[in-house]
Amino acid sequence: MLSNLQSLSLFLNQIVMEKDKNKIKFKGQKEVNKYIPSIAIKKIPPERALAILKKAGCNIDEEQSEEVMEFLYIIVKLTLKEFFTSD
């Protein structure tokens, strides 16, 4: 059975590979941004994020690690909004 970290690593590798394969371009980024709360969170340096992701088994470069971290920051913001606001 895979650990949570291994599962996350496989998931992130799949996202990065699919993005590279299909060269996905999102249209209407402003449309998407309106759903992301503007909660300030502390971000880790890109070099540290890359080291952590590589240690978890993700075979990615620095640019890809920044994209993965932006995705994770969005998930964190949405989670914080869900649990800590009265909307």
C-alpha atoms as a PDB file:
ATOM      1  CA  MET A   1       0.000   0.000   0.000  1.00  0.00           C
ATOM      2  CA  LEU A   2       1.315   3.442  -0.929  1.00  0.00           C
ATOM      3  CA  SER A   3       1.917   6.042   1.731  1.00  0.00           C
ATOM      4  CA  ASN A   4       0.234   9.427   1.432  1.00  0.00           C
ATOM      5  CA  LEU A   5       3.524  11.018   0.377  1.00  0.00           C
ATOM      6  CA  GLN A   6       4.086   8.407  -2.325  1.00  0.00           C
ATOM      7  CA  SER A   7       0.534   8.859  -3.595  1.00  0.00           C
ATOM      8  CA  LEU A   8       0.988  12.640  -3.732  1.00  0.00           C
ATOM      9  CA  SER A   9       4.287  12.188  -5.548  1.00  0.00           C
ATOM     10  CA  LEU A  10       2.695   9.946  -8.177  1.00  0.00           C
ATOM     11  CA  PHE A  11      -0.208  12.364  -8.587  1.00  0.00           C
ATOM     12  CA  LEU A  12       2.074  15.391  -9.022  1.00  0.00           C
ATOM     13  CA  ASN A  13       4.303  13.540 -11.499  1.00  0.00           C
ATOM     14  CA  GLN A  14       1.220  12.618 -13.533  1.00  0.00           C
ATOM     15  CA  ILE A  15       0.033  16.253 -13.593  1.00  0.00           C
ATOM     16  CA  VAL A  16       3.446  17.514 -14.708  1.00  0.00           C
ATOM     17  CA  MET A  17       3.780  14.833 -17.400  1.00  0.00           C
ATOM     18  CA  GLU A  18       0.284  15.487 -18.755  1.00  0.00           C
ATOM     19  CA  LYS A  19       0.883  19.239 -18.786  1.00  0.00           C
ATOM     20  CA  ASP A  20       4.153  18.810 -20.691  1.00  0.00           C
ATOM     21  CA  LYS A  21       2.580  16.333 -23.096  1.00  0.00           C
ATOM     22  CA  ASN A  22      -0.464  18.426 -23.900  1.00  0.00           C
ATOM     23  CA  LYS A  23       0.967  21.918 -23.329  1.00  0.00           C
ATOM     24  CA  ILE A  24      -2.239  22.896 -21.564  1.00  0.00           C
ATOM     25  CA  LYS A  25      -3.102  26.587 -21.675  1.00  0.00           C
ATOM     26  CA  PHE A  26      -5.854  27.809 -19.415  1.00  0.00           C
ATOM     27  CA  LYS A  27      -8.159  30.445 -20.824  1.00  0.00           C
ATOM     28  CA  GLY A  28      -9.875  32.940 -18.606  1.00  0.00           C
ATOM     29  CA  GLN A  29      -7.387  32.919 -15.736  1.00  0.00           C
ATOM     30  CA  LYS A  30      -9.178  35.953 -14.264  1.00  0.00           C
ATOM     31  CA  GLU A  31     -12.358  33.890 -14.266  1.00  0.00           C
ATOM     32  CA  VAL A  32     -10.617  31.173 -12.247  1.00  0.00           C
ATOM     33  CA  ASN A  33      -8.881  33.624  -9.885  1.00  0.00           C
ATOM     34  CA  LYS A  34     -12.171  34.995  -8.610  1.00  0.00           C
ATOM     35  CA  TYR A  35     -12.753  31.674  -6.819  1.00  0.00           C
ATOM     36  CA  ILE A  36      -9.377  31.663  -5.076  1.00  0.00           C
ATOM     37  CA  PRO A  37      -9.501  33.497  -1.735  1.00  0.00           C
ATOM     38  CA  SER A  38      -6.979  36.255  -1.099  1.00  0.00           C
ATOM     39  CA  ILE A  39      -5.655  34.750   2.122  1.00  0.00           C
ATOM     40  CA  ALA A  40      -2.028  35.596   2.839  1.00  0.00           C
ATOM     41  CA  ILE A  41       0.042  32.485   3.488  1.00  0.00           C
ATOM     42  CA  LYS A  42       3.756  32.061   4.049  1.00  0.00           C
ATOM     43  CA  LYS A  43       5.444  30.535   1.014  1.00  0.00           C
ATOM     44  CA  ILE A  44       8.587  28.464   1.083  1.00  0.00           C
ATOM     45  CA  PRO A  45      11.530  29.321  -1.198  1.00  0.00           C
ATOM     46  CA  PRO A  46      11.425  27.605  -4.621  1.00  0.00           C
ATOM     47  CA  GLU A  47      14.775  25.882  -3.980  1.00  0.00           C
ATOM     48  CA  ARG A  48      13.453  24.286  -0.797  1.00  0.00           C
ATOM     49  CA  ALA A  49      10.207  23.265  -2.518  1.00  0.00           C
ATOM     50  CA  LEU A  50      12.221  21.595  -5.286  1.00  0.00           C
ATOM     51  CA  ALA A  51      14.351  19.732  -2.734  1.00  0.00           C
ATOM     52  CA  ILE A  52      11.264  18.526  -0.840  1.00  0.00           C
ATOM     53  CA  LEU A  53       9.502  17.388  -4.006  1.00  0.00           C
ATOM     54  CA  LYS A  54      12.602  15.587  -5.293  1.00  0.00           C
ATOM     55  CA  LYS A  55      13.017  13.868  -1.918  1.00  0.00           C
ATOM     56  CA  ALA A  56       9.379  12.720  -2.226  1.00  0.00           C
ATOM     57  CA  GLY A  57      10.218  11.129  -5.588  1.00  0.00           C
ATOM     58  CA  CYS A  58       9.055  13.799  -8.049  1.00  0.00           C
ATOM     59  CA  ASN A  59      11.353  13.965 -11.058  1.00  0.00           C
ATOM     60  CA  ILE A  60      10.800  17.631 -11.953  1.00  0.00           C
ATOM     61  CA  ASP A  61      12.755  20.814 -12.635  1.00  0.00           C
ATOM     62  CA  GLU A  62      12.558  24.150 -10.811  1.00  0.00           C
ATOM     63  CA  GLU A  63       9.895  25.652 -13.093  1.00  0.00           C
ATOM     64  CA  GLN A  64       7.667  22.611 -12.652  1.00  0.00           C
ATOM     65  CA  SER A  65       8.153  22.663  -8.880  1.00  0.00           C
ATOM     66  CA  GLU A  66       7.003  26.298  -8.809  1.00  0.00           C
ATOM     67  CA  GLU A  67       3.839  25.325 -10.714  1.00  0.00           C
ATOM     68  CA  VAL A  68       3.196  22.424  -8.337  1.00  0.00           C
ATOM     69  CA  MET A  69       3.657  24.710  -5.337  1.00  0.00           C
ATOM     70  CA  GLU A  70       1.267  27.316  -6.776  1.00  0.00           C
ATOM     71  CA  PHE A  71      -1.305  24.544  -7.147  1.00  0.00           C
ATOM     72  CA  LEU A  72      -0.724  23.440  -3.544  1.00  0.00           C
ATOM     73  CA  TYR A  73      -1.010  27.039  -2.291  1.00  0.00           C
ATOM     74  CA  ILE A  74      -4.394  27.299  -4.018  1.00  0.00           C
ATOM     75  CA  ILE A  75      -5.521  24.075  -2.327  1.00  0.00           C
ATOM     76  CA  VAL A  76      -4.369  25.434   1.051  1.00  0.00           C
ATOM     77  CA  LYS A  77      -6.218  28.717   0.526  1.00  0.00           C
ATOM     78  CA  LEU A  78      -9.415  26.947  -0.478  1.00  0.00           C
ATOM     79  CA  THR A  79      -9.141  24.637   2.530  1.00  0.00           C
ATOM     80  CA  LEU A  80      -8.567  27.530   4.923  1.00  0.00           C
ATOM     81  CA  LYS A  81     -11.538  29.357   3.462  1.00  0.00           C
ATOM     82  CA  GLU A  82     -13.737  26.292   3.798  1.00  0.00           C
ATOM     83  CA  PHE A  83     -12.896  25.670   7.456  1.00  0.00           C
ATOM     84  CA  PHE A  84     -12.280  29.140   8.859  1.00  0.00           C
ATOM     85  CA  THR A  85     -14.769  31.498   7.218  1.00  0.00           C
ATOM     86  CA  SER A  86     -18.489  31.835   7.749  1.00  0.00           C
ATOM     87  CA  ASP A  87     -19.370  32.348   4.063  1.00  0.00           C
END
